[in-house]
Protein backbone atom coordinates (compact mmCIF):
# COMPACT_ATOMS: atom_id res chain seq x y z
CA MET A 1 0.00 0.00 0.00
CA LEU A 2 1.39 3.36 -1.03
CA TYR A 3 0.01 6.57 0.51
CA PHE A 4 0.08 10.02 -1.16
CA HIS A 5 -0.43 13.11 1.01
CA GLY A 6 -1.92 16.39 -0.16
CA TRP A 7 -1.12 20.09 0.04
CA THR A 8 1.40 21.07 2.75
CA GLY A 9 1.36 24.87 2.49
CA GLN A 10 -0.99 25.62 5.37
CA GLY A 11 0.21 28.51 7.51
CA ASN A 12 3.94 28.90 6.98
CA GLY A 13 4.14 25.45 5.44
CA TRP A 14 5.31 22.09 6.68
CA THR A 15 8.91 22.44 5.50
CA SER A 16 9.83 25.10 8.07
CA LYS A 17 8.17 22.98 10.77
CA CYS A 18 10.07 19.86 9.73
CA LYS A 19 6.68 18.16 9.67
CA ARG A 20 5.94 14.98 7.77
CA LEU A 21 3.24 12.34 7.90
CA THR A 22 4.19 9.13 9.67
CA THR A 23 2.45 5.94 10.72
CA ARG A 24 1.24 7.72 13.88
CA CYS A 25 -1.70 10.09 13.62
CA HIS A 26 -0.93 13.76 14.27
CA SER A 27 -2.59 15.54 17.17
CA ASP A 28 -4.19 18.07 14.81
CA VAL A 29 -6.15 15.24 13.16
CA CYS A 30 -6.81 12.50 15.72
CA PRO A 31 -8.42 13.05 19.16
CA ASP A 32 -6.84 12.49 22.58
CA GLY A 33 -3.55 14.06 21.55
CA GLY A 34 -3.05 11.83 18.52
CA GLY A 35 -0.46 9.08 18.37
CA GLN A 36 -2.84 6.38 17.11
CA LEU A 37 -1.16 3.73 14.96
CA LEU A 38 -2.58 4.08 11.47
CA VAL A 39 -1.21 1.05 9.62
CA ASN A 40 -0.49 -1.53 12.32
CA ASP A 41 -3.24 -3.83 11.06
CA TRP A 42 -1.85 -3.64 7.53
CA LEU A 43 1.61 -4.64 8.74
CA ASP A 44 0.19 -7.47 10.85
CA GLU A 45 -1.49 -8.84 7.75
CA GLY A 46 1.78 -8.87 5.81
CA TRP A 47 1.42 -5.66 3.81
CA ASN A 48 4.35 -3.45 2.92
CA VAL A 49 3.41 0.19 3.53
CA GLY A 50 5.04 3.21 1.94
CA PHE A 51 4.60 6.99 1.91
CA PHE A 52 5.35 9.06 -1.18
CA TYR A 53 6.68 12.36 0.14
CA TRP A 54 6.32 15.29 -2.22
CA ASP A 55 5.86 17.71 0.68
CA GLN A 56 8.57 20.17 -0.42
CA PHE A 57 6.89 20.49 -3.83
CA ALA A 58 3.44 20.75 -2.22
CA ASP A 59 4.57 23.46 0.21
CA GLU A 60 3.09 26.36 -1.74
CA GLU A 61 1.21 29.30 -0.31
CA CYS A 62 -1.46 28.68 -2.95
CA ALA A 63 -2.80 25.13 -3.22
CA ARG A 64 -3.50 25.66 -6.92
CA ASP A 65 0.23 26.14 -7.58
CA ALA A 66 0.97 22.80 -5.93
CA GLU A 67 -1.82 21.17 -7.95
CA GLN A 68 -0.38 22.36 -11.27
CA LYS A 69 2.92 20.57 -10.58
CA LEU A 70 1.10 17.24 -10.80
CA TRP A 71 0.27 17.88 -14.46
CA PHE A 72 2.78 20.31 -15.97
CA ASP A 73 5.65 22.71 -15.38
CA ARG A 74 3.89 26.06 -15.58
CA GLY A 75 6.97 28.19 -16.21
CA GLY A 76 9.01 25.65 -18.14
CA ASP A 77 12.01 26.31 -15.91
CA GLY A 78 11.68 23.39 -13.51
CA LEU A 79 9.51 22.55 -10.53
CA ALA A 80 9.86 24.82 -7.50
CA TRP A 81 10.59 23.09 -4.20
CA LYS A 82 11.09 24.62 -0.77
CA SER A 83 14.13 24.08 1.43
CA TYR A 84 14.71 25.06 5.05
CA ASN A 85 17.93 25.79 6.93
CA PRO A 86 17.38 24.98 10.62
CA ALA A 87 20.57 26.81 11.59
CA THR A 88 19.47 30.15 10.14
CA GLY A 89 15.71 29.58 10.15
CA GLN A 90 15.56 30.63 6.50
CA THR A 91 13.46 29.04 3.77
CA GLN A 92 13.96 29.40 0.05
CA PHE A 93 12.62 28.01 -3.22
CA ASN A 94 14.84 25.99 -5.52
CA SER A 95 14.35 24.66 -9.04
CA TYR A 96 14.12 20.94 -9.85
CA ALA A 97 14.73 20.30 -13.53
CA LYS A 98 15.21 16.87 -15.11
CA SER A 99 14.40 15.99 -18.68
CA ASP A 100 12.59 12.78 -17.74
CA GLU A 101 10.78 14.26 -14.72
CA MET A 102 8.76 17.22 -15.93
CA THR A 103 6.02 16.81 -13.30
CA VAL A 104 5.64 15.41 -9.79
CA SER A 105 3.73 12.52 -11.37
CA ASP A 106 6.81 11.66 -13.44
CA ILE A 107 8.90 11.69 -10.27
CA CYS A 108 6.38 9.35 -8.67
CA VAL A 109 6.57 6.84 -11.52
CA ASN A 110 10.38 6.74 -11.47
CA GLN A 111 10.56 6.37 -7.70
CA VAL A 112 7.96 3.57 -7.63
CA LYS A 113 9.80 1.73 -10.41
CA ARG A 114 13.06 2.13 -8.53
CA ALA A 115 11.62 0.84 -5.26
CA MET A 116 9.40 -1.91 -6.71
CA GLY A 117 11.06 -2.83 -9.98
CA SER A 118 11.00 -6.57 -9.26
CA TYR A 119 7.73 -6.63 -7.33
CA LYS A 120 5.94 -10.01 -7.43
CA GLY A 121 3.18 -9.55 -4.86
CA SER A 122 -0.48 -10.26 -5.48
CA GLN A 123 -1.80 -6.71 -5.22
CA VAL A 124 -0.88 -3.04 -4.94
CA ARG A 125 -3.13 -0.32 -3.59
CA PHE A 126 -2.65 3.44 -3.96
CA VAL A 127 -4.28 5.68 -1.32
CA GLY A 128 -4.36 9.41 -2.03
CA HIS A 129 -5.67 12.24 0.16
CA SER A 130 -6.80 15.67 -1.04
CA LEU A 131 -4.47 16.78 -3.87
CA GLY A 132 -2.69 13.46 -3.38
CA ALA A 133 -5.73 11.73 -4.89
CA GLN A 134 -4.94 13.33 -8.26
CA LEU A 135 -1.32 12.25 -7.91
CA ALA A 136 -2.31 8.66 -7.06
CA VAL A 137 -4.53 8.41 -10.15
CA ARG A 138 -2.04 9.90 -12.60
CA CYS A 139 0.91 7.93 -11.23
CA ALA A 140 -1.16 4.73 -11.45
CA SER A 141 -2.20 5.50 -15.01
CA LEU A 142 1.39 6.05 -16.16
CA LEU A 143 2.52 2.80 -14.51
CA HIS A 144 -0.26 0.87 -16.24
CA VAL A 145 0.78 2.33 -19.60
CA GLU A 146 4.10 0.54 -19.08
CA ASP A 147 2.42 -2.61 -17.67
CA HIS A 148 4.70 -2.30 -14.67
CA PRO A 149 4.30 -5.00 -11.96
CA ALA A 150 3.84 -2.29 -9.32
CA ALA A 151 0.87 -0.74 -11.14
CA PRO A 152 -2.01 -0.75 -8.63
CA SER A 153 -5.15 -2.86 -8.86
CA ARG A 154 -7.05 -0.51 -6.55
CA LEU A 155 -7.28 3.23 -5.91
CA ALA A 156 -8.63 4.76 -2.70
CA LEU A 157 -9.34 8.48 -3.08
CA LEU A 158 -9.80 10.24 0.27
CA GLU A 159 -11.39 13.68 -0.01
CA PRO A 160 -10.19 14.10 -3.63
CA TYR A 161 -9.59 17.82 -4.05
CA PHE A 162 -9.73 19.84 -7.30
CA SER A 163 -9.18 23.60 -7.12
CA LYS A 164 -11.94 25.72 -8.59
CA HIS A 165 -11.20 29.43 -8.29
CA SER A 166 -8.03 31.05 -7.08
CA HIS A 167 -10.01 33.76 -5.28
CA MET A 168 -10.59 31.15 -2.60
CA PHE A 169 -6.89 31.02 -1.81
CA PHE A 170 -5.16 33.85 0.00
CA GLY A 171 -1.71 34.60 -1.38
CA CYS A 172 -2.15 33.29 -4.93
CA HIS A 173 0.16 35.58 -6.89
CA GLY A 174 -0.01 38.11 -4.08
CA GLY A 175 -3.67 38.97 -4.29
CA VAL A 176 -7.25 37.83 -4.30
CA THR A 177 -8.59 37.37 -7.83
CA THR A 178 -11.55 35.76 -9.56
CA ASP A 179 -9.45 33.93 -12.17
CA GLU A 180 -10.06 30.22 -12.50
CA GLY A 181 -7.51 27.94 -10.94
CA MET A 182 -7.25 24.72 -12.93
CA GLY A 183 -10.81 25.02 -14.22
CA ASP A 184 -12.16 21.53 -14.79
CA PHE A 185 -8.91 20.35 -16.40
CA ALA A 186 -7.61 18.26 -13.48
CA ALA A 187 -11.02 16.87 -12.54
CA ARG A 188 -11.88 15.93 -16.12
CA LEU A 189 -8.57 14.17 -16.78
CA THR A 190 -8.70 12.36 -13.44
CA VAL A 191 -12.17 10.99 -14.23
CA GLN A 192 -11.06 9.91 -17.71
CA MET A 193 -8.10 8.04 -16.24
CA VAL A 194 -10.26 6.32 -13.62
CA GLU A 195 -12.74 5.25 -16.30
CA HIS A 196 -9.98 4.00 -18.61
CA LEU A 197 -8.26 2.06 -15.82
CA TRP A 198 -11.58 0.37 -15.10
CA SER A 199 -12.44 -0.49 -18.70
CA SER A 200 -8.95 -1.67 -19.67
CA LYS A 201 -7.50 -3.10 -16.43
CA LYS A 202 -10.51 -3.46 -14.09
CA VAL A 203 -8.75 -1.21 -11.58
CA VAL A 204 -11.34 -0.50 -8.91
CA THR A 205 -11.70 2.99 -7.41
CA GLU A 206 -13.25 3.81 -4.04
CA THR A 207 -14.02 7.40 -3.01
CA TYR A 208 -14.50 8.69 0.54
CA LYS A 209 -15.60 12.18 1.57
CA SER A 210 -15.81 13.79 4.97
CA SER A 211 -16.09 17.58 4.61
CA LEU A 212 -17.82 20.40 2.77
CA LEU A 213 -14.64 21.11 0.83
CA THR A 214 -15.35 18.29 -1.60
CA GLU A 215 -19.08 17.71 -1.11
CA LYS A 216 -20.55 21.12 -1.88
CA SER A 217 -20.21 23.83 -4.48
CA ALA A 218 -18.58 27.15 -3.65
CA GLU A 219 -21.91 28.79 -2.92
CA GLU A 220 -22.85 26.04 -0.45
CA SER A 221 -19.51 25.89 1.35
CA PRO A 222 -18.19 27.90 4.32
CA TYR A 223 -16.50 30.18 1.77
CA SER A 224 -19.17 32.85 2.10
CA GLU A 225 -18.54 33.18 5.85
CA LEU A 226 -14.80 33.00 5.34
CA LYS A 227 -14.79 35.68 2.65
CA SER A 228 -16.51 38.00 5.08
CA LEU A 229 -13.75 37.40 7.62
CA VAL A 230 -11.05 38.19 5.07
CA GLU A 231 -12.75 41.34 3.80
CA ASN A 232 -13.14 42.58 7.37
CA GLY A 233 -9.40 42.59 7.84
CA MET A 234 -8.70 39.64 10.14
CA GLY A 235 -5.18 39.48 8.75
CA GLY A 236 -3.84 37.42 11.61
CA VAL A 237 -5.80 34.37 10.54
CA GLU A 238 -6.10 34.93 6.79
CA LYS A 239 -2.99 33.11 5.63
CA THR A 240 -3.55 30.15 7.92
CA LEU A 241 -7.22 29.59 7.22
CA VAL A 242 -8.24 30.72 3.76
CA GLY A 243 -6.37 28.07 1.82
CA THR A 244 -7.59 25.36 4.14
CA LEU A 245 -11.23 26.26 3.63
CA ALA A 246 -11.23 26.83 -0.11
CA SER A 247 -14.08 24.98 -1.74
CA GLY A 248 -13.12 22.54 -4.45
CA MET A 249 -15.01 21.01 -7.33
CA LYS A 250 -17.52 18.35 -6.43
CA ALA A 251 -16.41 16.03 -9.27
CA GLU A 252 -19.71 14.17 -9.57
CA ASP A 253 -18.46 12.23 -12.60
CA LEU A 254 -15.76 10.73 -10.39
CA GLU A 255 -18.40 9.67 -7.88
CA ARG A 256 -20.30 7.84 -10.64
CA ALA A 257 -17.16 5.94 -11.67
CA SER A 258 -16.42 4.60 -8.20
CA THR A 259 -17.97 3.69 -4.89
CA LEU A 260 -18.84 6.73 -2.75
CA VAL A 261 -18.89 6.70 1.06
CA LYS A 262 -19.60 9.83 3.10
CA TYR A 263 -18.09 9.92 6.57
CA GLU A 264 -19.62 12.22 9.19
CA PRO A 265 -16.81 12.85 11.73
CA GLU A 266 -18.84 14.75 14.30
CA TRP A 267 -16.05 14.06 16.81
CA CYS A 268 -14.21 16.92 15.07
CA GLY A 269 -16.86 19.32 16.38
CA GLY A 270 -19.78 21.10 14.80
CA VAL A 271 -19.48 23.24 11.72
CA GLY A 272 -20.68 26.81 11.97
CA ALA A 273 -20.72 27.15 15.77
CA ASN A 274 -18.56 30.26 15.50
CA GLU A 275 -16.21 31.83 13.02
CA TYR A 276 -13.09 30.24 14.49
CA GLY A 277 -14.68 26.87 15.23
CA ASP A 278 -16.05 26.74 11.71
CA VAL A 279 -12.58 27.02 10.23
CA GLU A 280 -10.95 24.60 12.65
CA HIS A 281 -13.58 21.92 12.36
CA VAL A 282 -13.75 21.95 8.57
CA ALA A 283 -9.98 21.47 8.44
CA CYS A 284 -10.30 18.54 10.85
CA ARG A 285 -13.09 17.01 8.80
CA HIS A 286 -11.03 17.28 5.64
CA SER A 287 -8.20 15.30 7.26
CA ALA A 288 -10.35 12.94 9.37
CA VAL A 289 -10.93 10.70 6.37
CA VAL A 290 -7.30 9.51 6.52
CA PRO A 291 -7.35 7.74 9.92
CA MET A 292 -10.94 6.64 9.36
CA TYR A 293 -9.99 4.77 6.19
CA LEU A 294 -6.57 3.43 7.19
CA MET A 295 -7.79 2.15 10.57
CA SER A 296 -10.79 0.40 9.02
CA TYR A 297 -8.47 -2.29 7.70
CA GLY A 298 -8.46 -5.43 9.85
CA ARG A 299 -12.04 -4.86 10.98
CA ALA A 300 -15.28 -6.09 9.49
CA PRO A 301 -16.81 -3.56 7.08
CA PRO A 302 -19.57 -1.48 8.71
CA PRO A 303 -23.14 -2.78 8.35
CA GLN A 304 -25.99 -1.11 6.54
CA THR A 305 -29.00 0.20 8.38
CA PRO A 306 -31.54 -1.17 8.07
CA LEU A 307 -29.95 -4.53 7.38
CA PRO A 308 -30.87 -5.72 3.90
CA ALA A 309 -33.42 -8.54 3.90
CA GLU A 310 -32.30 -9.85 0.53
CA LYS A 311 -30.26 -13.05 0.46
CA ALA A 312 -26.59 -12.82 -0.45
CA ALA A 313 -24.14 -15.55 -1.43
CA PRO A 314 -21.06 -16.18 0.76
CA GLY A 315 -18.28 -13.72 0.01
CA SER A 316 -20.52 -11.42 -2.02
CA ALA A 317 -20.37 -7.66 -1.69
CA LEU A 318 -23.77 -7.55 -0.01
CA GLY A 319 -22.88 -10.39 2.35
CA SER A 320 -19.32 -9.47 3.36
CA CYS A 321 -18.85 -5.84 2.28
CA MET A 322 -22.14 -4.06 3.05
CA THR A 323 -20.29 -0.75 3.17
CA PRO A 324 -17.04 -0.19 1.24
CA SER A 325 -13.99 0.00 3.49
CA ALA A 326 -10.29 -0.78 3.43
CA ALA A 327 -11.15 -4.30 4.61
CA CYS A 328 -13.23 -5.20 1.54
CA THR A 329 -11.62 -7.29 -1.17
CA ASP A 330 -11.00 -5.88 -4.62
CA ASP A 331 -13.65 -8.07 -6.23
CA GLN A 332 -16.28 -7.12 -3.66
CA LEU A 333 -15.70 -3.46 -4.50
CA ARG A 334 -15.82 -4.29 -8.20
CA GLN A 335 -19.33 -5.64 -7.67
CA TRP A 336 -20.42 -2.36 -6.07
CA VAL A 337 -18.75 -0.32 -8.84
CA GLN A 338 -20.51 -2.39 -11.48
CA ARG A 339 -23.83 -1.80 -9.70
CA GLN A 340 -23.13 1.93 -9.86
CA LEU A 341 -22.35 1.78 -13.57
CA ASP A 342 -25.44 -0.31 -14.30
CA MET A 343 -27.77 2.14 -12.55
CA ALA A 344 -26.43 5.29 -14.24
CA PRO A 345 -27.35 8.11 -14.16
CA THR A 346 -28.61 7.27 -10.66
CA ARG A 347 -25.86 7.78 -8.10
CA GLN A 348 -25.11 5.15 -5.46
CA MET A 349 -23.92 6.43 -2.07
CA TRP A 350 -23.34 5.29 1.52
CA ASP A 351 -24.05 7.95 4.17
CA GLN A 352 -22.99 7.47 7.79
CA SER A 353 -25.96 7.14 10.14
CA PHE A 354 -24.41 5.78 13.38
CA GLY A 355 -21.12 6.31 15.19
CA GLN A 356 -20.58 9.89 14.05
CA ASN A 357 -19.56 11.10 17.51
CA THR A 358 -16.93 8.43 18.21
CA PHE A 359 -13.47 8.13 16.69
CA ALA A 360 -13.50 4.33 16.90
CA ASN A 361 -15.36 2.75 14.00
CA ILE A 362 -16.79 -0.28 15.82
CA ASP A 363 -20.20 1.41 16.19
CA ASP A 364 -20.42 2.82 12.66
CA ALA A 365 -23.32 2.04 10.33
CA TYR A 366 -24.35 3.46 6.96
CA ILE A 367 -27.46 4.00 4.85
CA LEU A 368 -27.20 2.87 1.23
CA ASP A 369 -29.04 5.05 -1.27
CA PRO A 370 -30.64 3.60 -3.27
CA SER A 371 -30.90 0.51 -1.08
CA ILE A 372 -31.17 -2.98 -2.48
CA LYS A 373 -34.93 -2.88 -1.90
CA GLN A 374 -35.22 0.48 -3.62
CA GLY A 375 -33.11 -0.87 -6.45
CA PHE A 376 -35.67 -3.57 -7.15
CA GLN A 377 -38.43 -0.96 -7.03
CA LEU A 378 -36.52 1.14 -9.58
CA GLY A 379 -36.17 -1.85 -11.88
CA LEU A 380 -32.47 -2.34 -11.11
CA ARG A 381 -32.76 -6.10 -10.68
CA SER A 382 -29.64 -6.89 -12.73
CA ALA A 383 -27.62 -4.25 -10.86
CA ASN A 384 -28.73 -5.66 -7.51
CA SER A 385 -27.97 -9.25 -8.48
CA LEU A 386 -24.33 -8.34 -9.07
CA VAL A 387 -23.66 -7.63 -5.41
CA GLN A 388 -25.56 -10.72 -4.24
CA GLU A 389 -23.37 -13.19 -6.13
CA THR A 390 -20.14 -14.79 -4.93
CA PRO A 391 -17.25 -13.03 -6.72
CA ALA A 392 -14.70 -15.02 -8.70
CA GLU A 393 -11.97 -13.89 -6.32
CA TYR A 394 -13.78 -15.59 -3.43
CA ILE A 395 -14.25 -18.84 -5.35
CA GLN A 396 -10.64 -19.02 -6.50
CA THR A 397 -8.82 -18.04 -3.32
CA LYS A 398 -11.56 -18.36 -0.68
CA GLN A 399 -10.57 -15.02 0.82
CA SER A 400 -12.68 -13.70 3.64
CA PHE A 401 -12.34 -12.20 7.10
CA SER A 402 -8.78 -12.74 8.27
CA MET A 403 -8.02 -14.06 11.72
CA LEU A 404 -7.08 -10.50 12.66
CA THR A 405 -10.49 -9.28 11.52
CA PHE A 406 -12.19 -12.03 13.49
CA LEU A 407 -10.32 -11.31 16.72
CA ARG A 408 -10.96 -7.58 16.51
CA THR A 409 -14.65 -7.82 15.77
CA PRO A 410 -16.44 -8.41 19.12
CA HIS A 411 -19.78 -9.54 17.74
CA LEU A 412 -17.98 -12.39 15.95
CA TRP A 413 -15.87 -13.79 18.77
CA LEU A 414 -18.25 -13.43 21.73
CA PRO A 415 -20.26 -16.55 20.74
CA VAL A 416 -16.99 -18.44 20.36
CA VAL A 417 -15.86 -17.39 23.84
CA ALA A 418 -19.17 -18.56 25.25
CA ALA A 419 -18.85 -21.92 23.49
CA VAL A 420 -15.27 -22.40 24.71
CA PHE A 421 -16.32 -21.57 28.27
CA LEU A 422 -19.11 -24.16 28.09
CA ILE A 423 -16.75 -26.83 26.76
CA VAL A 424 -14.15 -26.12 29.46
CA THR A 425 -16.84 -26.27 32.16
CA ILE A 426 -18.06 -29.65 30.91
CA ALA A 427 -14.48 -30.94 30.77
CA VAL A 428 -13.77 -29.88 34.36
CA VAL A 429 -16.95 -31.51 35.64
CA TRP A 430 -16.20 -34.66 33.68
CA SER A 431 -12.66 -34.86 35.09
CA HIS A 432 -13.95 -34.76 38.67
CA TYR A 433 -16.90 -37.11 38.15
CA PRO A 434 -15.98 -39.48 35.31
CA LEU A 435 -18.94 -41.77 34.64
CA ARG A 436 -18.16 -44.62 32.31
CA PRO A 437 -20.23 -47.45 30.87
CA GLY A 438 -20.72 -50.02 33.61
CA ASP A 439 -20.45 -47.51 36.47
CA ASP A 440 -23.21 -47.85 39.06
CA SER A 441 -24.92 -44.80 40.39
CA ASP A 442 -24.33 -46.11 43.94
CA ASP A 443 -20.59 -46.49 43.47
CA GLU A 444 -19.10 -45.85 46.87
CA SER A 445 -16.17 -44.02 45.30
CA LEU A 446 -18.64 -41.26 44.44
CA SER A 447 -20.37 -41.36 47.82
CA PRO A 448 -19.81 -38.43 50.14
CA LYS A 449 -19.14 -40.91 52.96
CA SER A 450 -16.28 -42.61 51.17
CA SER A 451 -12.75 -41.40 51.38
CA ARG A 452 -11.57 -39.19 48.52
CA ARG A 453 -10.24 -41.25 45.67
CA THR A 454 -7.04 -40.13 44.01
CA ARG A 455 -7.58 -38.97 40.42
CA GLY A 456 -6.63 -41.74 38.03
CA THR A 457 -6.89 -44.57 40.61
CA SER A 458 -8.99 -47.47 39.33
CA ARG A 459 -11.91 -48.99 41.16
CA THR A 460 -10.90 -52.33 42.69
CA SER A 461 -14.18 -54.24 42.42
CA PRO A 462 -13.17 -57.55 40.77
CA SER A 463 -16.72 -58.20 39.60
CA ARG A 464 -16.67 -55.39 37.07
CA ASN A 465 -15.47 -56.16 33.63
CA SER A 466 -13.91 -52.78 32.92
CA LYS A 467 -10.58 -51.73 31.55
CA GLU A 468 -9.62 -50.17 34.89
CA SER A 469 -9.51 -53.65 36.49
CA GLN A 470 -7.13 -55.02 33.88
CA SER A 471 -3.40 -55.19 34.40
CA PRO A 472 -1.51 -52.28 32.90
CA ALA A 473 0.90 -54.74 31.41
CA THR A 474 -1.81 -56.45 29.33
CA PHE A 475 -4.27 -53.65 28.63
CA LYS A 476 -3.82 -51.98 25.23
CA ASP A 477 -4.90 -48.39 25.64
CA PRO A 478 -5.82 -46.71 22.36
CA GLU A 479 -4.17 -43.52 23.63
CA LEU A 480 -0.82 -45.35 23.67
CA GLY A 481 -1.27 -47.39 20.48
CA GLN A 482 -0.44 -51.08 20.12
CA ALA A 483 2.65 -50.91 22.28
CA GLY A 484 0.63 -50.99 25.50
CA TYR A 485 2.20 -49.92 28.76
CA ASP A 486 5.40 -51.96 28.63
CA PRO A 487 7.71 -49.13 27.50
CA LEU A 488 6.01 -46.75 29.87
CA LEU A 489 6.34 -49.06 32.89
CA ALA A 490 9.95 -49.73 32.10
CA SER A 491 10.75 -46.04 31.88
CA MET A 492 8.93 -45.20 35.09
CA ALA A 493 10.21 -48.09 37.27
CA SER A 494 12.38 -45.73 39.26
CA ILE A 495 9.66 -43.22 40.13
CA PRO A 496 9.08 -43.30 43.94
CA THR A 497 5.60 -43.69 45.41
CA SER A 498 4.20 -43.14 48.87
CA SER A 499 4.00 -46.89 49.55
CA ASN A 500 7.42 -47.69 48.15
CA PRO A 501 9.79 -44.76 47.92
CA GLY A 502 12.25 -46.72 45.85
CA SER A 503 10.10 -48.40 43.21
CA PHE A 504 7.14 -47.88 40.91
CA ASN A 505 3.98 -49.66 42.10
CA SER A 506 1.82 -50.61 39.11
CA GLN A 507 -0.81 -52.58 40.99
CA GLY A 508 -4.21 -50.94 40.94
CA SER A 509 -2.96 -47.75 39.30
CA ARG A 510 -3.71 -46.37 35.86
CA VAL A 511 -1.29 -43.93 34.32
CA VAL A 512 -2.52 -41.69 31.51
CA LEU A 513 0.20 -40.21 29.38
CA THR A 514 -0.75 -37.00 27.58
CA MET A 515 1.44 -36.10 24.64
CA PRO A 516 1.28 -32.74 22.82
CA MET A 517 -0.51 -33.34 19.57
CA GLN A 518 1.04 -31.99 16.39
CA PRO A 519 -1.39 -29.62 14.66
CA ARG A 520 -2.52 -30.75 11.26
CA PRO A 521 -3.81 -28.24 8.69
CA LEU A 522 -7.49 -28.79 8.07
CA PRO A 523 -8.84 -28.89 4.53
CA MET A 524 -10.25 -25.52 3.61
CA GLN A 525 -13.73 -26.97 3.10
CA HIS A 526 -13.74 -27.97 6.79
CA MET A 527 -13.04 -24.45 8.03
CA HIS A 528 -16.19 -22.70 6.89
CA MET A 529 -17.61 -19.90 8.96
CA PRO A 530 -20.86 -18.02 8.33
CA ASN A 531 -20.47 -16.11 5.07
CA SER A 532 -16.72 -16.54 5.19
CA VAL A 533 -13.83 -18.96 5.20
CA VAL A 534 -10.82 -18.71 7.49
CA SER A 535 -7.63 -18.76 5.45
CA LEU A 536 -4.60 -20.39 7.02
CA GLN A 537 -2.40 -17.92 5.19
CA SER A 538 -3.85 -15.11 7.27
CA LEU A 539 -2.04 -16.52 10.32
CA TYR A 540 1.36 -15.87 8.85
CA ARG A 541 3.16 -12.75 7.74
CA THR A 542 3.26 -13.27 4.00
CA PRO A 543 3.88 -10.47 1.49
CA LYS A 544 0.83 -9.29 -0.44
């Protein structure tokens, strides 16, 4: 999995702060001071995780200027990148000019090829946030043109951002203008690439949104309130906040070429409570999608509400991936994407309905619109049937919930814990009161008046024809095989007993030898679970 960050020019920029994204969530994004591990579940499942850092190119006062570097060199004199001298505290822009790296996307392709030139894993996933979503798509497209082994089979676009008007960015060329930024150029080309990757390579794209910056038009966004703040001369907060809140293009065509999930991170705080809170919370919501997606891996995908009543085959999208998440398989998402394409121009969307106020995603649930039931009412029977069928990926590899997913999903393992507790309880009772065929209910060894019998000591009634009354030397216990007790008695002849400290007394005693059993892999068809199959490979750290 390769992650692509977005614009880094907020405030004075990340370069002068020596700030970079890591595998721990920053305190300005995650609650409780941050520090949450973002990709631990990926690593536990055997994934290799990488971050593509283009932060010194993205550190522009105007986000539009950073966006242009993904597609072309505006001045033709190289790509500007920012450096910082910690000794002097000075920053400066430098020029990066290479004939084979005219854009940041070209740099991405060369670096991926250098790092993964001999890659032989089963899958690659690109995850891009904000402006990084554009970079992820274009880098993936260029890799697929070359049929490179590291070309991704899946794209996750988190809050994909496309600049609309430069007047929404303070500091663009030193003033506030009404000139268009990239127009619809970047959005249109990104959609075309996503559609081509699907039609030619079946690369699946999933889109997640969490803020007004990518969900609404400029007129519907907080821009109107923000513009008022800027015009009223609040210069102390202009540079920090205006770029963060700039409304981007909604890119509805991209939503119709992928799955679309809308997060509602109310734990960031309400939008519009006050002029400062509005700005802060929208910035949080724009970034909240990153931990919400990355930390959804290793957990069962969130359910739909209400739960669909329609039947679904094992491993199907409707049965095992009710709501798209990082934990869904590629083929399950392909089923949902195909449903979206088959119902065009109707748009398919999942909207969060539960768990909005908690950072943990264990209580999340989503409403699908149109639902499966509504799909039948709209005559979308063929589109619905796609997500109810078992995908080819499931049949061929029998992929399903991993052991990690199972252990970290409480509603799955609680019944197992209860069953194990019941079995252990029965075993303990059985060990204290072992009733065997031929035992009488009035056996004095079980009577409260009789002296306590040592565990494992046989009953001495000669009238009973039971294996306890036979000599250990002649009895062939199935637990010990055909060899009987002879080797065991010989090896234990020197063990002292209470009656004879210097010898082993075999009369009237039964010794049970318990050997550790070697685990044998069970055939896959014997390991079925409801709507899933446990894969033995999930127990080992194997490269994906």
